C-alpha atoms as a PDB file:
ATOM      1  CA  MET A   1       0.068   0.014  -0.052  1.00  0.00           C
ATOM      2  CA  ALA A   2       1.447   3.329  -1.112  1.00  0.00           C
ATOM      3  CA  ARG A   3       1.352   6.249   1.380  1.00  0.00           C
ATOM      4  CA  ILE A   4       1.815   9.654  -0.366  1.00  0.00           C
ATOM      5  CA  ALA A   5       1.224  12.943   1.240  1.00  0.00           C
ATOM      6  CA  GLY A   6      -0.195  11.353   4.360  1.00  0.00           C
ATOM      7  CA  ILE A   7      -2.883   9.451   2.475  1.00  0.00           C
ATOM      8  CA  ASN A   8      -3.073   5.672   1.985  1.00  0.00           C
ATOM      9  CA  LEU A   9      -3.756   5.103  -1.752  1.00  0.00           C
ATOM     10  CA  ALA A  10      -6.193   2.313  -2.604  1.00  0.00           C
ATOM     11  CA  PRO A  11      -4.107  -0.626  -3.995  1.00  0.00           C
ATOM     12  CA  GLU A  12      -6.592  -1.754  -6.544  1.00  0.00           C
ATOM     13  CA  LYS A  13      -7.108   1.615  -8.274  1.00  0.00           C
ATOM     14  CA  ARG A  14      -5.197   2.982 -11.120  1.00  0.00           C
ATOM     15  CA  ILE A  15      -2.624   5.582 -10.135  1.00  0.00           C
ATOM     16  CA  GLU A  16      -4.257   8.458 -11.899  1.00  0.00           C
ATOM     17  CA  ALA A  17      -7.543   7.675 -10.163  1.00  0.00           C
ATOM     18  CA  ALA A  18      -5.945   7.005  -6.801  1.00  0.00           C
ATOM     19  CA  LEU A  19      -4.204  10.362  -6.636  1.00  0.00           C
ATOM     20  CA  LEU A  20      -7.579  12.038  -6.554  1.00  0.00           C
ATOM     21  CA  ALA A  21      -7.862  10.974  -2.899  1.00  0.00           C
ATOM     22  CA  ILE A  22      -5.283  13.661  -2.088  1.00  0.00           C
ATOM     23  CA  THR A  23      -6.748  16.983  -1.354  1.00  0.00           C
ATOM     24  CA  GLY A  24      -5.535  19.529  -3.900  1.00  0.00           C
ATOM     25  CA  ILE A  25      -5.148  17.052  -6.739  1.00  0.00           C
ATOM     26  CA  GLY A  26      -7.750  16.841  -9.400  1.00  0.00           C
ATOM     27  CA  ARG A  27      -8.068  14.850 -12.719  1.00  0.00           C
ATOM     28  CA  SER A  28      -5.852  17.126 -14.818  1.00  0.00           C
ATOM     29  CA  LEU A  29      -3.203  17.610 -12.157  1.00  0.00           C
ATOM     30  CA  ALA A  30      -3.059  13.761 -11.540  1.00  0.00           C
ATOM     31  CA  GLY A  31      -2.447  13.230 -15.267  1.00  0.00           C
ATOM     32  CA  LYS A  32       0.308  15.932 -15.197  1.00  0.00           C
ATOM     33  CA  ILE A  33       1.921  14.258 -12.134  1.00  0.00           C
ATOM     34  CA  CYS A  34       2.026  10.862 -13.809  1.00  0.00           C
ATOM     35  CA  MET A  35       3.452  12.387 -16.939  1.00  0.00           C
ATOM     36  CA  ASN A  36       6.155  14.364 -15.215  1.00  0.00           C
ATOM     37  CA  SER A  37       7.164  11.423 -13.011  1.00  0.00           C
ATOM     38  CA  LYS A  38       7.139   9.093 -16.194  1.00  0.00           C
ATOM     39  CA  ILE A  39       4.702   6.637 -14.743  1.00  0.00           C
ATOM     40  CA  ASP A  40       1.991   4.907 -16.711  1.00  0.00           C
ATOM     41  CA  PRO A  41      -1.327   6.304 -15.441  1.00  0.00           C
ATOM     42  CA  ASN A  42      -3.080   2.953 -16.041  1.00  0.00           C
ATOM     43  CA  LYS A  43      -0.723   1.109 -13.738  1.00  0.00           C
ATOM     44  CA  LYS A  44      -2.238  -0.138 -10.433  1.00  0.00           C
ATOM     45  CA  VAL A  45      -1.066   1.327  -7.144  1.00  0.00           C
ATOM     46  CA  LYS A  46      -0.068  -2.134  -5.828  1.00  0.00           C
ATOM     47  CA  ASP A  47       2.308  -2.523  -8.882  1.00  0.00           C
ATOM     48  CA  LEU A  48       4.327   0.523  -8.136  1.00  0.00           C
ATOM     49  CA  SER A  49       7.957   0.101  -7.434  1.00  0.00           C
ATOM     50  CA  GLU A  50       9.749   1.993  -4.597  1.00  0.00           C
ATOM     51  CA  LYS A  51      11.468   4.209  -7.274  1.00  0.00           C
ATOM     52  CA  GLU A  52       8.134   5.061  -8.812  1.00  0.00           C
ATOM     53  CA  GLU A  53       6.733   5.866  -5.439  1.00  0.00           C
ATOM     54  CA  GLU A  54       9.624   8.264  -4.616  1.00  0.00           C
ATOM     55  CA  ALA A  55       9.137   9.940  -8.078  1.00  0.00           C
ATOM     56  CA  LEU A  56       5.423  10.446  -7.274  1.00  0.00           C
ATOM     57  CA  ARG A  57       6.215  11.848  -3.761  1.00  0.00           C
ATOM     58  CA  ALA A  58       8.772  14.286  -5.151  1.00  0.00           C
ATOM     59  CA  GLU A  59       6.408  15.522  -7.872  1.00  0.00           C
ATOM     60  CA  ILE A  60       3.510  15.971  -5.373  1.00  0.00           C
ATOM     61  CA  ALA A  61       5.777  17.747  -2.960  1.00  0.00           C
ATOM     62  CA  LYS A  62       6.236  20.622  -5.354  1.00  0.00           C
ATOM     63  CA  ARG A  63       2.557  21.556  -4.946  1.00  0.00           C
ATOM     64  CA  PRO A  64       0.537  22.459  -1.713  1.00  0.00           C
ATOM     65  CA  THR A  65      -1.674  19.504  -0.779  1.00  0.00           C
ATOM     66  CA  GLU A  66      -3.630  18.273   2.247  1.00  0.00           C
ATOM     67  CA  GLY A  67      -2.943  20.261   5.419  1.00  0.00           C
ATOM     68  CA  ASP A  68      -0.852  23.012   3.762  1.00  0.00           C
ATOM     69  CA  LEU A  69      -3.643  23.675   1.273  1.00  0.00           C
ATOM     70  CA  ARG A  70      -6.335  23.694   3.879  1.00  0.00           C
ATOM     71  CA  ARG A  71      -4.292  26.150   5.898  1.00  0.00           C
ATOM     72  CA  ILE A  72      -3.787  28.518   2.974  1.00  0.00           C
ATOM     73  CA  VAL A  73      -7.476  28.430   2.135  1.00  0.00           C
ATOM     74  CA  ASN A  74      -8.456  29.206   5.806  1.00  0.00           C
ATOM     75  CA  GLN A  75      -5.924  32.009   5.948  1.00  0.00           C
ATOM     76  CA  ASN A  76      -7.414  33.514   2.815  1.00  0.00           C
ATOM     77  CA  ILE A  77     -10.976  33.401   4.186  1.00  0.00           C
ATOM     78  CA  LYS A  78      -9.928  34.914   7.516  1.00  0.00           C
ATOM     79  CA  LEU A  79      -8.127  37.840   5.638  1.00  0.00           C
ATOM     80  CA  LEU A  80     -11.433  38.431   3.814  1.00  0.00           C
ATOM     81  CA  GLN A  81     -13.226  38.442   7.110  1.00  0.00           C
ATOM     82  CA  ASP A  82     -10.638  40.714   8.773  1.00  0.00           C
ATOM     83  CA  ILE A  83     -10.631  43.395   6.178  1.00  0.00           C
ATOM     84  CA  GLY A  84     -14.461  43.459   6.124  1.00  0.00           C
ATOM     85  CA  THR A  85     -15.251  42.459   2.570  1.00  0.00           C
ATOM     86  CA  TYR A  86     -18.688  41.343   1.432  1.00  0.00           C
ATOM     87  CA  ARG A  87     -17.341  37.828   0.697  1.00  0.00           C
ATOM     88  CA  GLY A  88     -15.786  37.686   4.241  1.00  0.00           C
ATOM     89  CA  GLY A  89     -19.171  38.741   5.815  1.00  0.00           C
ATOM     90  CA  ARG A  90     -20.964  35.879   3.792  1.00  0.00           C
ATOM     91  CA  HIS A  91     -18.313  33.397   5.136  1.00  0.00           C
ATOM     92  CA  LYS A  92     -18.911  34.660   8.719  1.00  0.00           C
ATOM     93  CA  LYS A  93     -22.648  34.134   8.363  1.00  0.00           C
ATOM     94  CA  ARG A  94     -22.113  30.797   6.696  1.00  0.00           C
ATOM     95  CA  LEU A  95     -24.020  31.845   3.563  1.00  0.00           C
ATOM     96  CA  PRO A  96     -23.161  31.415  -0.109  1.00  0.00           C
ATOM     97  CA  SER A  97     -20.487  33.931  -1.019  1.00  0.00           C
ATOM     98  CA  ARG A  98     -20.608  33.784  -4.868  1.00  0.00           C
ATOM     99  CA  GLY A  99     -24.001  35.295  -5.730  1.00  0.00           C
ATOM    100  CA  GLN A 100     -26.318  32.333  -5.429  1.00  0.00           C
ATOM    101  CA  ARG A 101     -29.818  33.115  -4.248  1.00  0.00           C
ATOM    102  CA  THR A 102     -30.884  32.113  -0.739  1.00  0.00           C
ATOM    103  CA  ARG A 103     -34.553  32.842  -0.761  1.00  0.00           C
ATOM    104  CA  ASN A 104     -35.473  29.256  -1.898  1.00  0.00           C
ATOM    105  CA  ASN A 105     -32.303  27.281  -1.996  1.00  0.00           C
ATOM    106  CA  ALA A 106     -29.099  26.991  -0.198  1.00  0.00           C
ATOM    107  CA  ARG A 107     -30.482  24.564   2.388  1.00  0.00           C
ATOM    108  CA  THR A 108     -27.085  22.949   2.925  1.00  0.00           C
ATOM    109  CA  LYS A 109     -25.622  26.294   3.967  1.00  0.00           C
ATOM    110  CA  ARG A 110     -28.607  27.688   5.811  1.00  0.00           C
ATOM    111  CA  GLY A 111     -29.491  24.494   7.682  1.00  0.00           C
ATOM    112  CA  LYS A 112     -32.869  22.831   8.397  1.00  0.00           C
ATOM    113  CA  LYS A 113     -36.018  24.798   7.547  1.00  0.00           C
ATOM    114  CA  VAL A 114     -37.566  26.469  10.454  1.00  0.00           C
ATOM    115  CA  THR A 115     -41.143  27.764  10.473  1.00  0.00           C
ATOM    116  CA  MET A 116     -41.420  31.248  12.069  1.00  0.00           C
ATOM    117  CA  GLY A 117     -45.077  31.128  12.780  1.00  0.00           C
ATOM    118  CA  SER A 118     -48.485  31.188  11.052  1.00  0.00           C
ATOM    119  CA  GLY A 119     -47.952  34.596   9.716  1.00  0.00           C
ATOM    120  CA  ARG A 120     -50.733  36.170  11.661  1.00  0.00           C
ATOM    121  CA  ALA A 121     -50.282  37.846  15.057  1.00  0.00           C
ATOM    122  CA  LYS A 122     -52.454  36.359  17.855  1.00  0.00           C
ATOM    123  CA  VAL A 123     -54.956  38.809  19.244  1.00  0.00           C
ATOM    124  CA  GLU A 124     -55.703  38.684  22.857  1.00  0.00           C
ATOM    125  CA  LYS A 125     -59.299  39.251  23.983  1.00  0.00           C
ATOM    126  CA  LYS A 126     -59.939  41.189  27.113  1.00  0.00           C
END
């Protein structure tokens, strides 16, 4: 079992597909990594030699992945909040920050639907 960037890669998967388990590596980047390290992307993870694993590790180490990438993203969001931008405020309120409407949708961001009342104020009789 290959362990790269702190992630155990699935031994039965192709290398190109297995690299997608690492945060910060998508489909196109996985292909580029395989090409730059001169490894066949269709090769299974369990068939990798030690030399090939080292080549993958060296290629992946050139880019921010996993914890480093999460730290960078969180710092960028905190900066937006600190300088008081609109996007930073949306992040603080845990609302969509890229212009999506929230009147009907955005349930995953806004949470469970809560009914505010029947819409009519109760009138007390004296």
